[in-house]
Structures are given as C-alpha cells and as structure tokens.
Amino acid sequence: MKRPLFRRCGHAPGTLTPEDQAVVDQFRAMLTALRTPQPWTPGGAQDIAVRVGPFVERAHTRPGDDHGPDMIAVALVHPDAPHAGAYLHGRQLGYTNRGWLRCETTAILGFWQPGYAMLTHAAASLPLPDGVGMDPAHYALYIEARKRDGSRDGFTLLRLGPYTQTRHAQRDYDRLTAALDGRETTLVPGFRVSARYAPFDVSDHQLFDDPYEADVVALLDVAVAGVSA
C-alpha cells in the first residue's frame, strides 16, 4: 500500500514545515482511529469504515437496511466526500459506479473517522479493484397485505429476492400482478394484497425466498394458504 512520505528526517534541526506537520497530524489521526475505533452499532445511520483487502474504505449505510446482524447494504464513497473535488476524484478511481453492496458486518471496523482516510485507495491514488469482496445488493419484490380501511396496517405475505437483474424482477412483478388481478381483496379477508418493487433488504436476507429456485406464483399461493390455514 502506498503511504505519504515524509520529506525530511525526524531528527533534522529546526521546526517542521506546515506541510510536514500536516502529514504528521494525519499519521497520528490514523493511529488514533486504529487504536480506538468507534464501535459500529446496527441502525446507527452513520458512515462506517470497512475493510477492502488491505485497505480501509468509507461507506454509506442504506437507510432501513443497516441493522444486520450479519450483513448490511453499503455504498463505498470517496473519503473526502462531500468536499469539492471528491466526486471527480472518486469517479476517476471507481467509487461512484458501484451502487449498493452487500457488506458482511465482520468487515466493519467501526464508525468512520477522518484518520482512516490515509488507508484508502484514494489516498494512494489507486482505483478500487473490480472485485471489492462485496456482491451487489440487488432488488426484491414484496407481496403485502394491507387493511382495506385506508390505514397502513398490515403485514408482508412474501419476500422474493435478490434479483440479479431488474428485468427479472419486472417480469415476476408483472406475473404476480396478473395473478392478483381480481383477487386482491378476496385472498386475505379484510386486506388488499399487492406487489411492491423495492431494494433487497440485505439485513433480513434470511426472510426471502429465492425467485430463481421456484415459481413465484406458486410461492404466492403457498403464502396465502399459510395465512388462511
């Protein structure tokens, strides 16, 4: 990993130049961040520091999908965001086209601290590798039953995902919508059943059925039968 180099010996006479002092301060901040990390807590809604190979990167957590316990959704961002120039530099190094990623919570060092910036690909002027060790956090379909009295009360009948391509999700959404046509208000008495297209909730991945392993309409029928039993 490339590191900023001091331009003078630490034993040289005289005071440090402002530039050298800035490097010393950055190095001290890095040591402080590594020695005293700020523990991440699920649902913290703050940027976090995650391991990407031998580097450390800054990441946004996806609102509502950051409660773990073993996996959350994140987006890698340039360490200097949102300062001027960070977006352009981040785009050049591949930070801006990753989208949401599935991050194992064991890769989280803690909440982001500026001291980690020296350990990023950006600090070394290196592009992010094609494989950062995180799979995309794709999209999903949620089949929900809502009360017909206009309130938001209800429950989720079925969760399908993750979809690796949006066209696959759209295809199944169309199939489910057609299967529900004319039956939305009769499948579950007192409720209206509908399908909703939304991001895959990585934190609750264990609650989802794999849409590539079974027929989605058959899965809907099983879910409805389970509620009616």
Protein backbone atom coordinates (compact mmCIF):
# COMPACT_ATOMS: atom_id res chain seq x y z
CA MET A 1 0.00 0.00 0.00
CA LYS A 2 1.38 3.40 -0.91
CA ARG A 3 1.87 5.75 2.00
CA PRO A 4 2.57 9.50 2.09
CA LEU A 5 6.31 10.01 2.54
CA PHE A 6 7.94 12.48 4.90
CA ARG A 7 10.20 14.87 3.08
CA ARG A 8 12.64 15.31 5.94
CA CYS A 9 14.26 13.29 8.67
CA GLY A 10 12.54 13.47 12.03
CA HIS A 11 15.89 14.29 13.65
CA ALA A 12 16.66 17.23 11.35
CA PRO A 13 17.18 20.55 13.16
CA GLY A 14 14.52 23.23 13.12
CA THR A 15 10.76 23.13 13.23
CA LEU A 16 8.59 21.16 10.83
CA THR A 17 7.19 22.94 7.83
CA PRO A 18 3.39 23.32 7.76
CA GLU A 19 3.24 20.66 5.05
CA ASP A 20 5.27 18.19 7.11
CA GLN A 21 3.24 18.97 10.22
CA ALA A 22 0.03 18.21 8.29
CA VAL A 23 1.40 14.78 7.35
CA VAL A 24 2.40 14.12 10.96
CA ASP A 25 -1.09 15.10 12.13
CA GLN A 26 -2.69 12.79 9.56
CA PHE A 27 -0.49 9.92 10.67
CA ARG A 28 -1.35 10.50 14.32
CA ALA A 29 -5.05 10.63 13.47
CA MET A 30 -4.71 7.32 11.63
CA LEU A 31 -3.06 5.67 14.63
CA THR A 32 -5.77 7.02 16.91
CA ALA A 33 -8.52 5.67 14.65
CA LEU A 34 -6.91 2.22 14.54
CA ARG A 35 -6.19 2.07 18.26
CA THR A 36 -9.52 3.46 19.44
CA PRO A 37 -12.20 2.62 16.85
CA GLN A 38 -15.72 3.84 17.46
CA PRO A 39 -17.76 0.61 17.62
CA TRP A 40 -20.45 0.27 14.99
CA THR A 41 -23.96 -0.39 16.22
CA PRO A 42 -26.74 -1.67 13.94
CA GLY A 43 -29.05 1.08 12.77
CA GLY A 44 -26.53 3.78 13.62
CA ALA A 45 -27.22 5.69 10.38
CA GLN A 46 -23.64 6.97 10.17
CA ASP A 47 -20.84 6.36 7.69
CA ILE A 48 -18.69 3.37 8.56
CA ALA A 49 -15.16 2.13 7.89
CA VAL A 50 -14.97 -1.23 6.11
CA ARG A 51 -12.07 -3.45 5.09
CA VAL A 52 -11.49 -3.86 1.36
CA GLY A 53 -8.49 -6.16 1.07
CA PRO A 54 -5.54 -4.50 2.84
CA PHE A 55 -7.25 -1.09 2.58
CA VAL A 56 -9.96 0.64 4.59
CA GLU A 57 -12.80 2.47 2.85
CA ARG A 58 -15.57 4.82 3.84
CA ALA A 59 -19.12 3.62 3.23
CA HIS A 60 -22.65 4.98 3.49
CA THR A 61 -25.19 2.62 5.01
CA ARG A 62 -28.55 2.23 3.29
CA PRO A 63 -31.34 3.67 5.47
CA GLY A 64 -33.53 0.91 6.84
CA ASP A 65 -31.07 -1.77 5.72
CA ASP A 66 -28.31 -1.27 8.27
CA HIS A 67 -29.47 -3.32 11.24
CA GLY A 68 -27.60 -6.55 10.45
CA PRO A 69 -26.81 -8.66 12.32
CA ASP A 70 -24.56 -10.46 9.83
CA MET A 71 -24.95 -8.37 6.67
CA ILE A 72 -25.97 -4.83 5.69
CA ALA A 73 -26.15 -2.76 2.50
CA VAL A 74 -23.49 -0.10 1.91
CA ALA A 75 -22.20 2.19 -0.84
CA LEU A 76 -18.47 2.94 -0.98
CA VAL A 77 -17.67 6.66 -1.12
CA HIS A 78 -14.58 8.80 -1.51
CA PRO A 79 -13.06 9.55 1.92
CA ASP A 80 -13.24 13.32 1.32
CA ALA A 81 -16.94 13.37 0.38
CA PRO A 82 -18.75 15.74 0.15
CA HIS A 83 -15.88 18.22 -0.27
CA ALA A 84 -15.17 19.82 -3.63
CA GLY A 85 -13.16 17.60 -5.92
CA ALA A 86 -14.03 14.39 -4.07
CA TYR A 87 -16.75 13.42 -6.57
CA LEU A 88 -14.49 13.86 -9.60
CA HIS A 89 -11.58 12.07 -7.96
CA GLY A 90 -13.91 9.33 -6.76
CA ARG A 91 -15.32 8.89 -10.24
CA GLN A 92 -11.83 8.55 -11.68
CA LEU A 93 -10.98 5.85 -9.14
CA GLY A 94 -14.23 3.90 -9.47
CA TYR A 95 -16.06 4.96 -6.32
CA THR A 96 -19.20 6.29 -7.99
CA ASN A 97 -20.41 3.36 -10.10
CA ARG A 98 -20.61 0.58 -7.52
CA GLY A 99 -24.16 1.04 -6.29
CA TRP A 100 -25.34 -0.67 -3.12
CA LEU A 101 -23.27 -3.63 -1.98
CA ARG A 102 -23.77 -6.48 0.48
CA CYS A 103 -21.30 -5.96 3.33
CA GLU A 104 -20.63 -8.58 5.98
CA THR A 105 -20.64 -6.95 9.39
CA THR A 106 -17.37 -8.71 10.25
CA ALA A 107 -15.67 -6.38 7.72
CA ILE A 108 -16.76 -3.27 9.63
CA LEU A 109 -14.05 -1.59 11.71
CA GLY A 110 -16.42 0.91 13.27
CA PHE A 111 -17.92 4.29 12.52
CA TRP A 112 -15.90 6.33 10.04
CA GLN A 113 -13.20 8.62 11.40
CA PRO A 114 -11.11 11.03 9.28
CA GLY A 115 -7.99 9.23 10.46
CA TYR A 116 -8.88 6.25 8.27
CA ALA A 117 -8.51 8.38 5.12
CA MET A 118 -4.78 7.60 4.82
CA LEU A 119 -5.63 3.89 4.47
CA THR A 120 -7.95 4.23 1.46
CA HIS A 121 -7.33 3.55 -2.21
CA ALA A 122 -7.96 7.25 -2.84
CA ALA A 123 -5.10 8.29 -0.55
CA ALA A 124 -2.78 6.04 -2.55
CA SER A 125 -4.24 7.32 -5.86
CA LEU A 126 -5.22 3.74 -6.71
CA PRO A 127 -8.51 2.72 -8.36
CA LEU A 128 -10.84 0.43 -6.50
CA PRO A 129 -10.39 -3.15 -7.75
CA ASP A 130 -13.09 -4.75 -9.88
CA GLY A 131 -13.81 -7.14 -7.05
CA VAL A 132 -14.09 -5.49 -3.64
CA GLY A 133 -15.30 -8.62 -1.88
CA MET A 134 -18.94 -7.49 -1.78
CA ASP A 135 -21.76 -8.66 -4.01
CA PRO A 136 -24.36 -6.18 -5.28
CA ALA A 137 -27.34 -5.59 -3.01
CA HIS A 138 -29.97 -6.14 -5.67
CA TYR A 139 -33.71 -5.55 -5.73
CA ALA A 140 -36.65 -7.54 -4.46
CA LEU A 141 -40.42 -7.93 -4.61
CA TYR A 142 -42.58 -7.60 -1.52
CA ILE A 143 -46.11 -9.01 -1.57
CA GLU A 144 -48.03 -7.22 1.15
CA ALA A 145 -51.49 -7.38 2.68
CA ARG A 146 -52.85 -4.02 3.84
CA LYS A 147 -56.11 -3.34 5.64
CA ARG A 148 -58.86 -2.03 3.38
CA ASP A 149 -59.84 0.77 5.76
CA GLY A 150 -57.21 3.09 4.30
CA SER A 151 -54.73 2.63 7.13
CA ARG A 152 -51.17 1.38 6.66
CA ASP A 153 -51.73 -1.58 8.98
CA GLY A 154 -50.90 -4.95 7.53
CA PHE A 155 -48.14 -7.48 7.03
CA THR A 156 -45.82 -8.92 4.40
CA LEU A 157 -47.02 -12.17 2.86
CA LEU A 158 -43.96 -12.96 0.78
CA ARG A 159 -40.49 -11.60 0.11
CA LEU A 160 -38.75 -12.51 -3.15
CA GLY A 161 -35.11 -11.77 -3.83
CA PRO A 162 -32.47 -10.91 -4.52
CA TYR A 163 -32.95 -10.34 -8.23
CA THR A 164 -29.67 -10.07 -10.11
CA GLN A 165 -31.26 -8.16 -12.98
CA THR A 166 -34.06 -5.62 -12.89
CA ARG A 167 -35.74 -7.19 -15.92
CA HIS A 168 -36.17 -10.41 -13.95
CA ALA A 169 -37.85 -8.52 -11.12
CA GLN A 170 -40.09 -6.69 -13.59
CA ARG A 171 -41.08 -9.99 -15.22
CA ASP A 172 -42.11 -11.54 -11.91
CA TYR A 173 -43.85 -8.34 -10.83
CA ASP A 174 -45.97 -8.49 -13.97
CA ARG A 175 -46.77 -12.17 -13.36
CA LEU A 176 -47.76 -11.57 -9.75
CA THR A 177 -49.85 -8.54 -10.64
CA ALA A 178 -51.68 -10.61 -13.25
CA ALA A 179 -52.22 -13.43 -10.73
CA LEU A 180 -53.65 -10.95 -8.22
CA ASP A 181 -55.93 -9.24 -10.74
CA GLY A 182 -59.50 -9.51 -9.48
CA ARG A 183 -58.41 -11.31 -6.31
CA GLU A 184 -56.62 -8.53 -4.43
CA THR A 185 -59.40 -8.14 -1.87
CA THR A 186 -60.50 -11.77 -1.59
CA LEU A 187 -57.28 -13.68 -0.98
CA VAL A 188 -56.96 -12.45 2.60
CA PRO A 189 -60.31 -11.33 4.10
CA GLY A 190 -60.25 -7.71 5.21
CA PHE A 191 -56.99 -6.97 3.39
CA ARG A 192 -55.87 -5.85 -0.05
CA VAL A 193 -52.91 -7.80 -1.43
CA SER A 194 -50.43 -6.13 -3.77
CA ALA A 195 -46.85 -6.46 -5.00
CA ARG A 196 -44.20 -3.81 -4.43
CA TYR A 197 -40.81 -3.42 -6.13
CA ALA A 198 -38.06 -2.16 -3.79
CA PRO A 199 -34.39 -2.63 -2.83
CA PHE A 200 -33.42 -6.03 -1.46
CA ASP A 201 -33.31 -5.81 2.34
CA VAL A 202 -29.90 -7.34 2.98
CA SER A 203 -30.25 -7.16 6.75
CA ASP A 204 -33.26 -9.52 6.59
CA HIS A 205 -31.95 -11.73 3.79
CA GLN A 206 -32.94 -14.90 5.65
CA LEU A 207 -36.63 -13.97 5.29
CA PHE A 208 -36.56 -14.04 1.48
CA ASP A 209 -37.45 -16.80 -0.95
CA ASP A 210 -35.12 -17.25 -3.91
CA PRO A 211 -37.14 -16.36 -7.03
CA TYR A 212 -34.77 -18.34 -9.22
CA GLU A 213 -35.45 -21.64 -7.44
CA ALA A 214 -39.26 -21.78 -7.62
CA ASP A 215 -42.26 -20.39 -9.48
CA VAL A 216 -43.22 -17.08 -7.90
CA VAL A 217 -46.96 -17.57 -8.42
CA ALA A 218 -46.73 -20.95 -6.69
CA LEU A 219 -44.86 -19.30 -3.81
CA LEU A 220 -47.65 -16.73 -3.55
CA ASP A 221 -50.28 -19.48 -3.37
CA VAL A 222 -48.33 -21.21 -0.59
CA ALA A 223 -48.02 -17.95 1.36
CA VAL A 224 -51.75 -17.24 1.05
CA ALA A 225 -52.60 -20.80 2.09
CA GLY A 226 -50.41 -20.40 5.17
CA VAL A 227 -52.30 -17.28 6.24
CA SER A 228 -55.69 -18.84 5.57
CA ALA A 229 -54.93 -22.09 7.39
